[in-house]
């Protein structure tokens, strides 16, 4: 994500209504980028301000069973 919020207009990701939190499952496999300095991240935020994440669960994909395929970062704020 490359957007940023403001104090008056924050960016909010949250569950809608009642019940269980929604779960976002990681992709299966290795890095999305071929860059050697990239890491596996489910949600990446670069220079974003006024961002709220509330009531959202993250899960590893079933097929990610070894260190090469496992997700390194859930929420990455850079």
C-alpha atoms as a PDB file:
ATOM      1  CA  UNK A   1       0.000   0.000   0.000  1.00  0.00           C
ATOM      2  CA  UNK A   2       1.364   3.430  -0.831  1.00  0.00           C
ATOM      3  CA  UNK A   3      -1.493   5.589   0.463  1.00  0.00           C
ATOM      4  CA  UNK A   4      -1.520   7.548   3.678  1.00  0.00           C
ATOM      5  CA  UNK A   5      -4.351   8.753   5.844  1.00  0.00           C
ATOM      6  CA  UNK A   6      -4.697  11.893   7.909  1.00  0.00           C
ATOM      7  CA  UNK A   7      -5.929  12.528  11.439  1.00  0.00           C
ATOM      8  CA  UNK A   8      -9.267  13.609   9.953  1.00  0.00           C
ATOM      9  CA  UNK A   9      -9.387  10.814   7.344  1.00  0.00           C
ATOM     10  CA  UNK A  10      -7.631   7.693   8.644  1.00  0.00           C
ATOM     11  CA  UNK A  11      -7.365   4.464   6.677  1.00  0.00           C
ATOM     12  CA  UNK A  12      -9.158   1.750   8.653  1.00  0.00           C
ATOM     13  CA  UNK A  13      -9.289  -1.988   7.975  1.00  0.00           C
ATOM     14  CA  UNK A  14     -11.699  -3.687  10.351  1.00  0.00           C
ATOM     15  CA  UNK A  15     -14.223  -6.430  10.642  1.00  0.00           C
ATOM     16  CA  UNK A  16     -17.751  -5.568   9.636  1.00  0.00           C
ATOM     17  CA  UNK A  17     -20.472  -6.460  12.114  1.00  0.00           C
ATOM     18  CA  UNK A  18     -20.303  -9.141  14.796  1.00  0.00           C
ATOM     19  CA  UNK A  19     -19.001 -12.674  14.822  1.00  0.00           C
ATOM     20  CA  UNK A  20     -15.582 -14.131  14.230  1.00  0.00           C
ATOM     21  CA  UNK A  21     -12.760 -11.987  12.918  1.00  0.00           C
ATOM     22  CA  UNK A  22     -12.092 -12.454   9.198  1.00  0.00           C
ATOM     23  CA  UNK A  23      -8.913 -14.372   8.417  1.00  0.00           C
ATOM     24  CA  UNK A  24      -6.593 -13.519   5.556  1.00  0.00           C
ATOM     25  CA  UNK A  25      -4.490 -16.482   4.465  1.00  0.00           C
ATOM     26  CA  UNK A  26      -0.959 -16.074   3.126  1.00  0.00           C
ATOM     27  CA  UNK A  27      -0.154 -17.019  -0.439  1.00  0.00           C
ATOM     28  CA  UNK A  28       1.586 -20.343  -0.982  1.00  0.00           C
ATOM     29  CA  UNK A  29       5.144 -20.272  -2.190  1.00  0.00           C
ATOM     30  CA  UNK A  30       8.164 -18.014  -2.098  1.00  0.00           C
ATOM     31  CA  UNK A  31       8.735 -14.290  -2.625  1.00  0.00           C
ATOM     32  CA  UNK A  32       6.462 -12.411  -4.995  1.00  0.00           C
ATOM     33  CA  UNK A  33       9.415 -10.378  -6.245  1.00  0.00           C
ATOM     34  CA  UNK A  34      12.633 -11.583  -7.828  1.00  0.00           C
ATOM     35  CA  UNK A  35      14.568  -8.894  -5.947  1.00  0.00           C
ATOM     36  CA  UNK A  36      17.072 -10.372  -3.495  1.00  0.00           C
ATOM     37  CA  UNK A  37      16.222  -7.757  -0.874  1.00  0.00           C
ATOM     38  CA  UNK A  38      12.480  -8.454  -0.834  1.00  0.00           C
ATOM     39  CA  UNK A  39      10.763 -10.453   1.889  1.00  0.00           C
ATOM     40  CA  UNK A  40       7.531 -12.351   2.074  1.00  0.00           C
ATOM     41  CA  UNK A  41       4.874 -10.048   3.511  1.00  0.00           C
ATOM     42  CA  UNK A  42       1.106 -10.373   3.544  1.00  0.00           C
ATOM     43  CA  UNK A  43       0.327  -6.663   3.899  1.00  0.00           C
ATOM     44  CA  UNK A  44       3.033  -4.044   3.312  1.00  0.00           C
ATOM     45  CA  UNK A  45       2.695  -0.353   4.118  1.00  0.00           C
ATOM     46  CA  UNK A  46       5.432   2.075   2.989  1.00  0.00           C
ATOM     47  CA  UNK A  47       5.398   5.543   4.522  1.00  0.00           C
ATOM     48  CA  UNK A  48       1.736   5.268   5.460  1.00  0.00           C
ATOM     49  CA  UNK A  49       0.368   7.244   8.378  1.00  0.00           C
ATOM     50  CA  UNK A  50      -2.897   7.029  10.295  1.00  0.00           C
ATOM     51  CA  UNK A  51      -3.542   3.372   9.400  1.00  0.00           C
ATOM     52  CA  UNK A  52      -5.576   1.162  11.744  1.00  0.00           C
ATOM     53  CA  UNK A  53      -5.893  -2.628  11.479  1.00  0.00           C
ATOM     54  CA  UNK A  54      -8.488  -3.996  13.873  1.00  0.00           C
ATOM     55  CA  UNK A  55     -10.083  -7.413  14.193  1.00  0.00           C
ATOM     56  CA  UNK A  56      -8.367  -9.060  11.216  1.00  0.00           C
ATOM     57  CA  UNK A  57      -6.526 -12.354  11.695  1.00  0.00           C
ATOM     58  CA  UNK A  58      -3.668 -13.612   9.542  1.00  0.00           C
ATOM     59  CA  UNK A  59      -2.929 -17.282   8.847  1.00  0.00           C
ATOM     60  CA  UNK A  60      -0.167 -19.260   7.166  1.00  0.00           C
ATOM     61  CA  UNK A  61      -1.209 -21.169   4.039  1.00  0.00           C
ATOM     62  CA  UNK A  62      -1.576 -24.919   4.475  1.00  0.00           C
ATOM     63  CA  UNK A  63       1.117 -25.643   1.869  1.00  0.00           C
ATOM     64  CA  UNK A  64       3.729 -23.444   3.554  1.00  0.00           C
ATOM     65  CA  UNK A  65       5.450 -26.143   5.595  1.00  0.00           C
ATOM     66  CA  UNK A  66       9.151 -25.262   5.410  1.00  0.00           C
ATOM     67  CA  UNK A  67      11.236 -22.107   5.971  1.00  0.00           C
ATOM     68  CA  UNK A  68      11.539 -21.442   2.232  1.00  0.00           C
ATOM     69  CA  UNK A  69       7.782 -21.225   1.693  1.00  0.00           C
ATOM     70  CA  UNK A  70       6.648 -19.839   5.073  1.00  0.00           C
ATOM     71  CA  UNK A  71       5.546 -16.216   5.356  1.00  0.00           C
ATOM     72  CA  UNK A  72       8.071 -14.029   7.190  1.00  0.00           C
ATOM     73  CA  UNK A  73       5.897 -10.952   7.860  1.00  0.00           C
ATOM     74  CA  UNK A  74       2.171 -10.502   8.420  1.00  0.00           C
ATOM     75  CA  UNK A  75       1.875  -6.712   8.619  1.00  0.00           C
ATOM     76  CA  UNK A  76       4.941  -4.824   7.420  1.00  0.00           C
ATOM     77  CA  UNK A  77       5.207  -1.109   8.140  1.00  0.00           C
ATOM     78  CA  UNK A  78       8.218   0.383   6.385  1.00  0.00           C
END
